[in-house]
Amino acid sequence: MGTKTVSQNASSFLYELNNAQHEYGFKSVDEWVLDLVTLEKKSSLESMYYPILFLQVPAEDIKEFLALIEKKLSAAVALLNSQLGSKAINKDTYLVAYNPARLK
């Protein structure tokens, strides 16, 4: 995650999600979906949804990162946590956030 700490990256990620919600007029019922994806899948999601935010999170930091953003994104984090065992996390894995109702 570069020179930033996991906590700083989590705060930045939440800040960007909040900005995107305001900038694109999300309603109170609009929620983010989180997923861990490969570069290919990320590109596919970018072509389908807007806005989409992403971040590369090292495998060793993913659980701590999710714990830090859980308060704001509890439903999305809970769903992702339930799928973590089946997800392969490597250096080319991205954490993406998108709203499935916001198609391009």
PDB file of N, CA and C in Angstrom:
ATOM      1  N   MET A   1       0.814  -1.186   0.000  1.00  0.00           N
ATOM      2  CA  MET A   1       0.000   0.000   0.000  1.00  0.00           C
ATOM      3  C   MET A   1       0.861   1.253   0.000  1.00  0.00           C
ATOM      4  N   GLY A   2       2.070   1.116  -0.413  1.00  0.00           N
ATOM      5  CA  GLY A   2       2.941   2.274  -0.496  1.00  0.00           C
ATOM      6  C   GLY A   2       3.421   2.717   0.860  1.00  0.00           C
ATOM      7  N   THR A   3       3.644   4.023   0.994  1.00  0.00           N
ATOM      8  CA  THR A   3       4.172   4.554   2.241  1.00  0.00           C
ATOM      9  C   THR A   3       3.084   4.873   3.259  1.00  0.00           C
ATOM     10  N   LYS A   4       1.830   4.865   2.841  1.00  0.00           N
ATOM     11  CA  LYS A   4       0.732   5.118   3.770  1.00  0.00           C
ATOM     12  C   LYS A   4       0.475   3.878   4.625  1.00  0.00           C
ATOM     13  N   THR A   5      -0.030   4.099   5.820  1.00  0.00           N
ATOM     14  CA  THR A   5      -0.412   2.987   6.679  1.00  0.00           C
ATOM     15  C   THR A   5      -1.779   2.462   6.234  1.00  0.00           C
ATOM     16  N   VAL A   6      -2.126   1.295   6.730  1.00  0.00           N
ATOM     17  CA  VAL A   6      -3.427   0.717   6.411  1.00  0.00           C
ATOM     18  C   VAL A   6      -4.536   1.657   6.879  1.00  0.00           C
ATOM     19  N   SER A   7      -4.367   2.232   8.047  1.00  0.00           N
ATOM     20  CA  SER A   7      -5.358   3.157   8.591  1.00  0.00           C
ATOM     21  C   SER A   7      -5.533   4.392   7.700  1.00  0.00           C
ATOM     22  N   GLN A   8      -4.436   4.943   7.224  1.00  0.00           N
ATOM     23  CA  GLN A   8      -4.510   6.113   6.339  1.00  0.00           C
ATOM     24  C   GLN A   8      -5.202   5.755   5.024  1.00  0.00           C
ATOM     25  N   ASN A   9      -4.882   4.587   4.481  1.00  0.00           N
ATOM     26  CA  ASN A   9      -5.518   4.159   3.238  1.00  0.00           C
ATOM     27  C   ASN A   9      -7.008   3.916   3.432  1.00  0.00           C
ATOM     28  N   ALA A  10      -7.392   3.337   4.570  1.00  0.00           N
ATOM     29  CA  ALA A  10      -8.807   3.113   4.851  1.00  0.00           C
ATOM     30  C   ALA A  10      -9.543   4.448   4.957  1.00  0.00           C
ATOM     31  N   SER A  11      -8.951   5.396   5.642  1.00  0.00           N
ATOM     32  CA  SER A  11      -9.566   6.726   5.770  1.00  0.00           C
ATOM     33  C   SER A  11      -9.701   7.399   4.410  1.00  0.00           C
ATOM     34  N   SER A  12      -8.677   7.321   3.590  1.00  0.00           N
ATOM     35  CA  SER A  12      -8.714   7.910   2.245  1.00  0.00           C
ATOM     36  C   SER A  12      -9.780   7.244   1.384  1.00  0.00           C
ATOM     37  N   PHE A  13      -9.880   5.920   1.477  1.00  0.00           N
ATOM     38  CA  PHE A  13     -10.861   5.172   0.699  1.00  0.00           C
ATOM     39  C   PHE A  13     -12.277   5.588   1.096  1.00  0.00           C
ATOM     40  N   LEU A  14     -12.540   5.667   2.394  1.00  0.00           N
ATOM     41  CA  LEU A  14     -13.860   6.097   2.862  1.00  0.00           C
ATOM     42  C   LEU A  14     -14.166   7.530   2.444  1.00  0.00           C
ATOM     43  N   TYR A  15     -13.164   8.388   2.494  1.00  0.00           N
ATOM     44  CA  TYR A  15     -13.324   9.777   2.073  1.00  0.00           C
ATOM     45  C   TYR A  15     -13.717   9.842   0.593  1.00  0.00           C
ATOM     46  N   GLU A  16     -13.035   9.072  -0.233  1.00  0.00           N
ATOM     47  CA  GLU A  16     -13.341   9.059  -1.669  1.00  0.00           C
ATOM     48  C   GLU A  16     -14.728   8.491  -1.942  1.00  0.00           C
ATOM     49  N   LEU A  17     -15.116   7.447  -1.216  1.00  0.00           N
ATOM     50  CA  LEU A  17     -16.464   6.894  -1.379  1.00  0.00           C
ATOM     51  C   LEU A  17     -17.517   7.927  -1.007  1.00  0.00           C
ATOM     52  N   ASN A  18     -17.304   8.632   0.090  1.00  0.00           N
ATOM     53  CA  ASN A  18     -18.235   9.665   0.535  1.00  0.00           C
ATOM     54  C   ASN A  18     -18.332  10.785  -0.503  1.00  0.00           C
ATOM     55  N   ASN A  19     -17.196  11.204  -1.031  1.00  0.00           N
ATOM     56  CA  ASN A  19     -17.204  12.249  -2.064  1.00  0.00           C
ATOM     57  C   ASN A  19     -17.972  11.798  -3.301  1.00  0.00           C
ATOM     58  N   ALA A  20     -17.741  10.560  -3.717  1.00  0.00           N
ATOM     59  CA  ALA A  20     -18.431  10.036  -4.903  1.00  0.00           C
ATOM     60  C   ALA A  20     -19.940   9.987  -4.664  1.00  0.00           C
ATOM     61  N   GLN A  21     -20.348   9.594  -3.460  1.00  0.00           N
ATOM     62  CA  GLN A  21     -21.779   9.563  -3.146  1.00  0.00           C
ATOM     63  C   GLN A  21     -22.407  10.939  -3.299  1.00  0.00           C
ATOM     64  N   HIS A  22     -21.734  11.960  -2.803  1.00  0.00           N
ATOM     65  CA  HIS A  22     -22.271  13.316  -2.902  1.00  0.00           C
ATOM     66  C   HIS A  22     -22.193  13.845  -4.333  1.00  0.00           C
ATOM     67  N   GLU A  23     -21.087  13.612  -4.980  1.00  0.00           N
ATOM     68  CA  GLU A  23     -20.889  14.131  -6.332  1.00  0.00           C
ATOM     69  C   GLU A  23     -21.879  13.533  -7.335  1.00  0.00           C
ATOM     70  N   TYR A  24     -22.215  12.251  -7.166  1.00  0.00           N
ATOM     71  CA  TYR A  24     -23.086  11.579  -8.122  1.00  0.00           C
ATOM     72  C   TYR A  24     -24.513  11.425  -7.624  1.00  0.00           C
ATOM     73  N   GLY A  25     -24.854  12.128  -6.540  1.00  0.00           N
ATOM     74  CA  GLY A  25     -26.234  12.182  -6.075  1.00  0.00           C
ATOM     75  C   GLY A  25     -26.814  10.857  -5.606  1.00  0.00           C
ATOM     76  N   PHE A  26     -26.030  10.085  -4.873  1.00  0.00           N
ATOM     77  CA  PHE A  26     -26.548   8.836  -4.337  1.00  0.00           C
ATOM     78  C   PHE A  26     -27.704   9.136  -3.387  1.00  0.00           C
ATOM     79  N   LYS A  27     -28.720   8.300  -3.419  1.00  0.00           N
ATOM     80  CA  LYS A  27     -29.817   8.395  -2.467  1.00  0.00           C
ATOM     81  C   LYS A  27     -29.443   7.589  -1.232  1.00  0.00           C
ATOM     82  N   SER A  28     -30.205   7.728  -0.177  1.00  0.00           N
ATOM     83  CA  SER A  28     -29.894   7.026   1.071  1.00  0.00           C
ATOM     84  C   SER A  28     -29.968   5.507   0.911  1.00  0.00           C
ATOM     85  N   VAL A  29     -30.709   5.028  -0.068  1.00  0.00           N
ATOM     86  CA  VAL A  29     -30.823   3.582  -0.279  1.00  0.00           C
ATOM     87  C   VAL A  29     -29.715   3.026  -1.178  1.00  0.00           C
ATOM     88  N   ASP A  30     -28.981   3.908  -1.851  1.00  0.00           N
ATOM     89  CA  ASP A  30     -27.880   3.466  -2.712  1.00  0.00           C
ATOM     90  C   ASP A  30     -26.712   3.011  -1.848  1.00  0.00           C
ATOM     91  N   GLU A  31     -26.244   1.791  -2.067  1.00  0.00           N
ATOM     92  CA  GLU A  31     -25.148   1.268  -1.271  1.00  0.00           C
ATOM     93  C   GLU A  31     -24.030   0.769  -2.175  1.00  0.00           C
ATOM     94  N   TRP A  32     -22.836   0.812  -1.635  1.00  0.00           N
ATOM     95  CA  TRP A  32     -21.668   0.308  -2.335  1.00  0.00           C
ATOM     96  C   TRP A  32     -21.592  -1.210  -2.197  1.00  0.00           C
ATOM     97  N   VAL A  33     -21.104  -1.847  -3.235  1.00  0.00           N
ATOM     98  CA  VAL A  33     -20.763  -3.266  -3.211  1.00  0.00           C
ATOM     99  C   VAL A  33     -19.251  -3.329  -3.253  1.00  0.00           C
ATOM    100  N   LEU A  34     -18.655  -4.145  -2.382  1.00  0.00           N
ATOM    101  CA  LEU A  34     -17.207  -4.331  -2.368  1.00  0.00           C
ATOM    102  C   LEU A  34     -16.883  -5.705  -2.922  1.00  0.00           C
ATOM    103  N   ASP A  35     -15.783  -5.794  -3.664  1.00  0.00           N
ATOM    104  CA  ASP A  35     -15.349  -7.084  -4.171  1.00  0.00           C
ATOM    105  C   ASP A  35     -13.841  -7.068  -4.333  1.00  0.00           C
ATOM    106  N   LEU A  36     -13.242  -8.225  -4.225  1.00  0.00           N
ATOM    107  CA  LEU A  36     -11.815  -8.400  -4.505  1.00  0.00           C
ATOM    108  C   LEU A  36     -11.722  -9.048  -5.872  1.00  0.00           C
ATOM    109  N   VAL A  37     -11.061  -8.359  -6.800  1.00  0.00           N
ATOM    110  CA  VAL A  37     -11.060  -8.821  -8.188  1.00  0.00           C
ATOM    111  C   VAL A  37      -9.670  -8.730  -8.802  1.00  0.00           C
ATOM    112  N   THR A  38      -9.524  -9.418  -9.925  1.00  0.00           N
ATOM    113  CA  THR A  38      -8.295  -9.344 -10.705  1.00  0.00           C
ATOM    114  C   THR A  38      -8.328  -8.092 -11.570  1.00  0.00           C
ATOM    115  N   LEU A  39      -7.228  -7.795 -12.196  1.00  0.00           N
ATOM    116  CA  LEU A  39      -7.139  -6.638 -13.095  1.00  0.00           C
ATOM    117  C   LEU A  39      -8.152  -6.762 -14.232  1.00  0.00           C
ATOM    118  N   GLU A  40      -8.303  -7.955 -14.765  1.00  0.00           N
ATOM    119  CA  GLU A  40      -9.244  -8.182 -15.867  1.00  0.00           C
ATOM    120  C   GLU A  40     -10.683  -7.919 -15.428  1.00  0.00           C
ATOM    121  N   LYS A  41     -11.055  -8.437 -14.271  1.00  0.00           N
ATOM    122  CA  LYS A  41     -12.414  -8.232 -13.748  1.00  0.00           C
ATOM    123  C   LYS A  41     -12.639  -6.763 -13.391  1.00  0.00           C
ATOM    124  N   LYS A  42     -11.611  -6.098 -12.864  1.00  0.00           N
ATOM    125  CA  LYS A  42     -11.709  -4.672 -12.542  1.00  0.00           C
ATOM    126  C   LYS A  42     -12.020  -3.878 -13.808  1.00  0.00           C
ATOM    127  N   SER A  43     -11.320  -4.195 -14.889  1.00  0.00           N
ATOM    128  CA  SER A  43     -11.560  -3.514 -16.164  1.00  0.00           C
ATOM    129  C   SER A  43     -12.980  -3.753 -16.656  1.00  0.00           C
ATOM    130  N   SER A  44     -13.459  -4.957 -16.471  1.00  0.00           N
ATOM    131  CA  SER A  44     -14.826  -5.288 -16.867  1.00  0.00           C
ATOM    132  C   SER A  44     -15.843  -4.486 -16.056  1.00  0.00           C
ATOM    133  N   LEU A  45     -15.622  -4.400 -14.742  1.00  0.00           N
ATOM    134  CA  LEU A  45     -16.519  -3.622 -13.891  1.00  0.00           C
ATOM    135  C   LEU A  45     -16.475  -2.137 -14.248  1.00  0.00           C
ATOM    136  N   GLU A  46     -15.286  -1.626 -14.577  1.00  0.00           N
ATOM    137  CA  GLU A  46     -15.150  -0.210 -14.961  1.00  0.00           C
ATOM    138  C   GLU A  46     -15.927   0.095 -16.228  1.00  0.00           C
ATOM    139  N   SER A  47     -16.036  -0.868 -17.116  1.00  0.00           N
ATOM    140  CA  SER A  47     -16.774  -0.631 -18.352  1.00  0.00           C
ATOM    141  C   SER A  47     -18.293  -0.722 -18.142  1.00  0.00           C
ATOM    142  N   MET A  48     -18.713  -1.306 -17.015  1.00  0.00           N
ATOM    143  CA  MET A  48     -20.136  -1.487 -16.752  1.00  0.00           C
ATOM    144  C   MET A  48     -20.727  -0.459 -15.793  1.00  0.00           C
ATOM    145  N   TYR A  49     -19.965  -0.026 -14.790  1.00  0.00           N
ATOM    146  CA  TYR A  49     -20.493   0.818 -13.714  1.00  0.00           C
ATOM    147  C   TYR A  49     -19.731   2.131 -13.603  1.00  0.00           C
ATOM    148  N   TYR A  50     -20.469   3.150 -13.116  1.00  0.00           N
ATOM    149  CA  TYR A  50     -19.836   4.437 -12.845  1.00  0.00           C
ATOM    150  C   TYR A  50     -20.601   5.117 -11.730  1.00  0.00           C
ATOM    151  N   PRO A  51     -19.992   5.574 -10.716  1.00  0.00           N
ATOM    152  CA  PRO A  51     -18.552   5.582 -10.450  1.00  0.00           C
ATOM    153  C   PRO A  51     -18.088   4.234  -9.885  1.00  0.00           C
ATOM    154  N   ILE A  52     -16.822   3.991 -10.029  1.00  0.00           N
ATOM    155  CA  ILE A  52     -16.196   2.816  -9.449  1.00  0.00           C
ATOM    156  C   ILE A  52     -14.875   3.267  -8.835  1.00  0.00           C
ATOM    157  N   LEU A  53     -14.616   2.826  -7.630  1.00  0.00           N
ATOM    158  CA  LEU A  53     -13.376   3.169  -6.945  1.00  0.00           C
ATOM    159  C   LEU A  53     -12.628   1.878  -6.657  1.00  0.00           C
ATOM    160  N   PHE A  54     -11.313   1.952  -6.714  1.00  0.00           N
ATOM    161  CA  PHE A  54     -10.532   0.741  -6.473  1.00  0.00           C
ATOM    162  C   PHE A  54      -9.230   1.072  -5.772  1.00  0.00           C
ATOM    163  N   LEU A  55      -8.664   0.039  -5.168  1.00  0.00           N
ATOM    164  CA  LEU A  55      -7.426   0.173  -4.420  1.00  0.00           C
ATOM    165  C   LEU A  55      -6.777  -1.202  -4.346  1.00  0.00           C
ATOM    166  N   GLN A  56      -5.469  -1.248  -4.522  1.00  0.00           N
ATOM    167  CA  GLN A  56      -4.756  -2.499  -4.316  1.00  0.00           C
ATOM    168  C   GLN A  56      -4.415  -2.604  -2.840  1.00  0.00           C
ATOM    169  N   VAL A  57      -4.842  -3.691  -2.229  1.00  0.00           N
ATOM    170  CA  VAL A  57      -4.587  -3.925  -0.814  1.00  0.00           C
ATOM    171  C   VAL A  57      -3.801  -5.231  -0.702  1.00  0.00           C
ATOM    172  N   PRO A  58      -2.608  -5.195  -0.107  1.00  0.00           N
ATOM    173  CA  PRO A  58      -1.838  -6.431   0.047  1.00  0.00           C
ATOM    174  C   PRO A  58      -2.615  -7.478   0.853  1.00  0.00           C
ATOM    175  N   ALA A  59      -2.412  -8.731   0.521  1.00  0.00           N
ATOM    176  CA  ALA A  59      -3.131  -9.823   1.177  1.00  0.00           C
ATOM    177  C   ALA A  59      -2.991  -9.776   2.693  1.00  0.00           C
ATOM    178  N   GLU A  60      -1.819  -9.420   3.172  1.00  0.00           N
ATOM    179  CA  GLU A  60      -1.599  -9.404   4.620  1.00  0.00           C
ATOM    180  C   GLU A  60      -2.336  -8.261   5.314  1.00  0.00           C
ATOM    181  N   ASP A  61      -2.804  -7.265   4.558  1.00  0.00           N
ATOM    182  CA  ASP A  61      -3.486  -6.104   5.136  1.00  0.00           C
ATOM    183  C   ASP A  61      -5.000  -6.113   4.935  1.00  0.00           C
ATOM    184  N   ILE A  62      -5.520  -7.041   4.147  1.00  0.00           N
ATOM    185  CA  ILE A  62      -6.930  -6.970   3.759  1.00  0.00           C
ATOM    186  C   ILE A  62      -7.881  -7.079   4.952  1.00  0.00           C
ATOM    187  N   LYS A  63      -7.621  -7.976   5.875  1.00  0.00           N
ATOM    188  CA  LYS A  63      -8.531  -8.121   7.032  1.00  0.00           C
ATOM    189  C   LYS A  63      -8.526  -6.865   7.902  1.00  0.00           C
ATOM    190  N   GLU A  64      -7.346  -6.297   8.134  1.00  0.00           N
ATOM    191  CA  GLU A  64      -7.255  -5.062   8.920  1.00  0.00           C
ATOM    192  C   GLU A  64      -7.962  -3.919   8.194  1.00  0.00           C
ATOM    193  N   PHE A  65      -7.762  -3.818   6.884  1.00  0.00           N
ATOM    194  CA  PHE A  65      -8.389  -2.781   6.079  1.00  0.00           C
ATOM    195  C   PHE A  65      -9.914  -2.890   6.168  1.00  0.00           C
ATOM    196  N   LEU A  66     -10.440  -4.101   5.997  1.00  0.00           N
ATOM    197  CA  LEU A  66     -11.888  -4.299   6.055  1.00  0.00           C
ATOM    198  C   LEU A  66     -12.439  -3.973   7.441  1.00  0.00           C
ATOM    199  N   ALA A  67     -11.691  -4.307   8.477  1.00  0.00           N
ATOM    200  CA  ALA A  67     -12.131  -3.981   9.837  1.00  0.00           C
ATOM    201  C   ALA A  67     -12.224  -2.464  10.032  1.00  0.00           C
ATOM    202  N   LEU A  68     -11.325  -1.727   9.409  1.00  0.00           N
ATOM    203  CA  LEU A  68     -11.313  -0.270   9.554  1.00  0.00           C
ATOM    204  C   LEU A  68     -12.466   0.413   8.805  1.00  0.00           C
ATOM    205  N   ILE A  69     -12.916  -0.184   7.712  1.00  0.00           N
ATOM    206  CA  ILE A  69     -14.005   0.438   6.946  1.00  0.00           C
ATOM    207  C   ILE A  69     -15.369  -0.165   7.283  1.00  0.00           C
ATOM    208  N   GLU A  70     -15.380  -1.151   8.158  1.00  0.00           N
ATOM    209  CA  GLU A  70     -16.620  -1.875   8.458  1.00  0.00           C
ATOM    210  C   GLU A  70     -17.702  -0.991   9.068  1.00  0.00           C
ATOM    211  N   LYS A  71     -17.333  -0.035   9.897  1.00  0.00           N
ATOM    212  CA  LYS A  71     -18.333   0.811  10.552  1.00  0.00           C
ATOM    213  C   LYS A  71     -19.186   1.562   9.529  1.00  0.00           C
ATOM    214  N   LYS A  72     -18.556   2.054   8.462  1.00  0.00           N
ATOM    215  CA  LYS A  72     -19.274   2.819   7.439  1.00  0.00           C
ATOM    216  C   LYS A  72     -19.938   1.925   6.390  1.00  0.00           C
ATOM    217  N   LEU A  73     -19.354   0.779   6.121  1.00  0.00           N
ATOM    218  CA  LEU A  73     -19.830  -0.091   5.044  1.00  0.00           C
ATOM    219  C   LEU A  73     -20.130  -1.493   5.567  1.00  0.00           C
ATOM    220  N   SER A  74     -20.866  -1.566   6.646  1.00  0.00           N
ATOM    221  CA  SER A  74     -21.047  -2.842   7.344  1.00  0.00           C
ATOM    222  C   SER A  74     -21.625  -3.956   6.471  1.00  0.00           C
ATOM    223  N   ALA A  75     -22.668  -3.680   5.708  1.00  0.00           N
ATOM    224  CA  ALA A  75     -23.279  -4.728   4.886  1.00  0.00           C
ATOM    225  C   ALA A  75     -22.327  -5.209   3.796  1.00  0.00           C
ATOM    226  N   ALA A  76     -21.649  -4.272   3.130  1.00  0.00           N
ATOM    227  CA  ALA A  76     -20.722  -4.638   2.052  1.00  0.00           C
ATOM    228  C   ALA A  76     -19.522  -5.406   2.600  1.00  0.00           C
ATOM    229  N   VAL A  77     -19.013  -4.994   3.746  1.00  0.00           N
ATOM    230  CA  VAL A  77     -17.863  -5.673   4.352  1.00  0.00           C
ATOM    231  C   VAL A  77     -18.256  -7.059   4.838  1.00  0.00           C
ATOM    232  N   ALA A  78     -19.438  -7.188   5.432  1.00  0.00           N
ATOM    233  CA  ALA A  78     -19.902  -8.494   5.909  1.00  0.00           C
ATOM    234  C   ALA A  78     -20.009  -9.482   4.757  1.00  0.00           C
ATOM    235  N   LEU A  79     -20.551  -9.037   3.639  1.00  0.00           N
ATOM    236  CA  LEU A  79     -20.663  -9.907   2.464  1.00  0.00           C
ATOM    237  C   LEU A  79     -19.287 -10.299   1.943  1.00  0.00           C
ATOM    238  N   LEU A  80     -18.391  -9.351   1.854  1.00  0.00           N
ATOM    239  CA  LEU A  80     -17.037  -9.644   1.367  1.00  0.00           C
ATOM    240  C   LEU A  80     -16.298 -10.568   2.331  1.00  0.00           C
ATOM    241  N   ASN A  81     -16.437 -10.330   3.631  1.00  0.00           N
ATOM    242  CA  ASN A  81     -15.793 -11.202   4.629  1.00  0.00           C
ATOM    243  C   ASN A  81     -16.275 -12.641   4.490  1.00  0.00           C
ATOM    244  N   SER A  82     -17.555 -12.827   4.177  1.00  0.00           N
ATOM    245  CA  SER A  82     -18.088 -14.178   4.021  1.00  0.00           C
ATOM    246  C   SER A  82     -17.517 -14.881   2.793  1.00  0.00           C
ATOM    247  N   GLN A  83     -17.042 -14.101   1.825  1.00  0.00           N
ATOM    248  CA  GLN A  83     -16.489 -14.669   0.589  1.00  0.00           C
ATOM    249  C   GLN A  83     -14.970 -14.761   0.601  1.00  0.00           C
ATOM    250  N   LEU A  84     -14.315 -14.240   1.632  1.00  0.00           N
ATOM    251  CA  LEU A  84     -12.849 -14.173   1.648  1.00  0.00           C
ATOM    252  C   LEU A  84     -12.178 -15.528   1.486  1.00  0.00           C
ATOM    253  N   GLY A  85     -12.733 -16.560   2.059  1.00  0.00           N
ATOM    254  CA  GLY A  85     -12.115 -17.881   1.967  1.00  0.00           C
ATOM    255  C   GLY A  85     -12.001 -18.392   0.542  1.00  0.00           C
ATOM    256  N   SER A  86     -12.928 -17.993  -0.326  1.00  0.00           N
ATOM    257  CA  SER A  86     -12.919 -18.471  -1.704  1.00  0.00           C
ATOM    258  C   SER A  86     -12.198 -17.521  -2.663  1.00  0.00           C
ATOM    259  N   LYS A  87     -11.735 -16.394  -2.168  1.00  0.00           N
ATOM    260  CA  LYS A  87     -11.049 -15.416  -3.015  1.00  0.00           C
ATOM    261  C   LYS A  87      -9.545 -15.615  -2.943  1.00  0.00           C
ATOM    262  N   ALA A  88      -8.899 -15.615  -4.094  1.00  0.00           N
ATOM    263  CA  ALA A  88      -7.438 -15.672  -4.139  1.00  0.00           C
ATOM    264  C   ALA A  88      -6.917 -14.241  -4.106  1.00  0.00           C
ATOM    265  N   ILE A  89      -6.130 -13.930  -3.097  1.00  0.00           N
ATOM    266  CA  ILE A  89      -5.610 -12.573  -2.947  1.00  0.00           C
ATOM    267  C   ILE A  89      -4.123 -12.602  -3.232  1.00  0.00           C
ATOM    268  N   ASN A  90      -3.711 -11.839  -4.242  1.00  0.00           N
ATOM    269  CA  ASN A  90      -2.289 -11.723  -4.560  1.00  0.00           C
ATOM    270  C   ASN A  90      -1.988 -10.273  -4.884  1.00  0.00           C
ATOM    271  N   LYS A  91      -0.787 -10.006  -5.378  1.00  0.00           N
ATOM    272  CA  LYS A  91      -0.395  -8.611  -5.620  1.00  0.00           C
ATOM    273  C   LYS A  91      -1.200  -7.942  -6.723  1.00  0.00           C
ATOM    274  N   ASP A  92      -1.882  -8.731  -7.544  1.00  0.00           N
ATOM    275  CA  ASP A  92      -2.686  -8.173  -8.624  1.00  0.00           C
ATOM    276  C   ASP A  92      -4.173  -8.132  -8.281  1.00  0.00           C
ATOM    277  N   THR A  93      -4.496  -8.215  -7.005  1.00  0.00           N
ATOM    278  CA  THR A  93      -5.888  -8.182  -6.557  1.00  0.00           C
ATOM    279  C   THR A  93      -6.262  -6.761  -6.152  1.00  0.00           C
ATOM    280  N   TYR A  94      -7.435  -6.331  -6.598  1.00  0.00           N
ATOM    281  CA  TYR A  94      -7.938  -4.992  -6.302  1.00  0.00           C
ATOM    282  C   TYR A  94      -9.190  -5.096  -5.452  1.00  0.00           C
ATOM    283  N   LEU A  95      -9.329  -4.189  -4.515  1.00  0.00           N
ATOM    284  CA  LEU A  95     -10.577  -4.012  -3.795  1.00  0.00           C
ATOM    285  C   LEU A  95     -11.343  -2.944  -4.567  1.00  0.00           C
ATOM    286  N   VAL A  96     -12.505  -3.291  -5.082  1.00  0.00           N
ATOM    287  CA  VAL A  96     -13.301  -2.339  -5.849  1.00  0.00           C
ATOM    288  C   VAL A  96     -14.612  -2.059  -5.116  1.00  0.00           C
ATOM    289  N   ALA A  97     -15.098  -0.856  -5.292  1.00  0.00           N
ATOM    290  CA  ALA A  97     -16.392  -0.450  -4.749  1.00  0.00           C
ATOM    291  C   ALA A  97     -17.206   0.127  -5.900  1.00  0.00           C
ATOM    292  N   TYR A  98     -18.429  -0.373  -6.034  1.00  0.00           N
ATOM    293  CA  TYR A  98     -19.314   0.124  -7.086  1.00  0.00           C
ATOM    294  C   TYR A  98     -20.751  -0.051  -6.628  1.00  0.00           C
ATOM    295  N   ASN A  99     -21.660   0.614  -7.317  1.00  0.00           N
ATOM    296  CA  ASN A  99     -23.064   0.484  -7.036  1.00  0.00           C
ATOM    297  C   ASN A  99     -23.699  -0.202  -8.244  1.00  0.00           C
ATOM    298  N   PRO A 100     -24.260  -1.406  -8.059  1.00  0.00           N
ATOM    299  CA  PRO A 100     -24.806  -2.153  -9.196  1.00  0.00           C
ATOM    300  C   PRO A 100     -25.987  -1.460  -9.889  1.00  0.00           C
ATOM    301  N   ALA A 101     -26.596  -0.488  -9.243  1.00  0.00           N
ATOM    302  CA  ALA A 101     -27.705   0.242  -9.867  1.00  0.00           C
ATOM    303  C   ALA A 101     -27.200   1.375 -10.763  1.00  0.00           C
ATOM    304  N   ARG A 102     -25.913   1.664 -10.719  1.00  0.00           N
ATOM    305  CA  ARG A 102     -25.336   2.777 -11.477  1.00  0.00           C
ATOM    306  C   ARG A 102     -24.597   2.270 -12.703  1.00  0.00           C
ATOM    307  N   LEU A 103     -25.338   1.874 -13.702  1.00  0.00           N
ATOM    308  CA  LEU A 103     -24.739   1.409 -14.947  1.00  0.00           C
ATOM    309  C   LEU A 103     -24.298   2.582 -15.792  1.00  0.00           C
ATOM    310  N   LYS A 104     -23.286   2.346 -16.621  1.00  0.00           N
ATOM    311  CA  LYS A 104     -22.815   3.401 -17.537  1.00  0.00           C
ATOM    312  C   LYS A 104     -23.827   3.626 -18.627  1.00  0.00           C
TER     313      LYS A 104
END
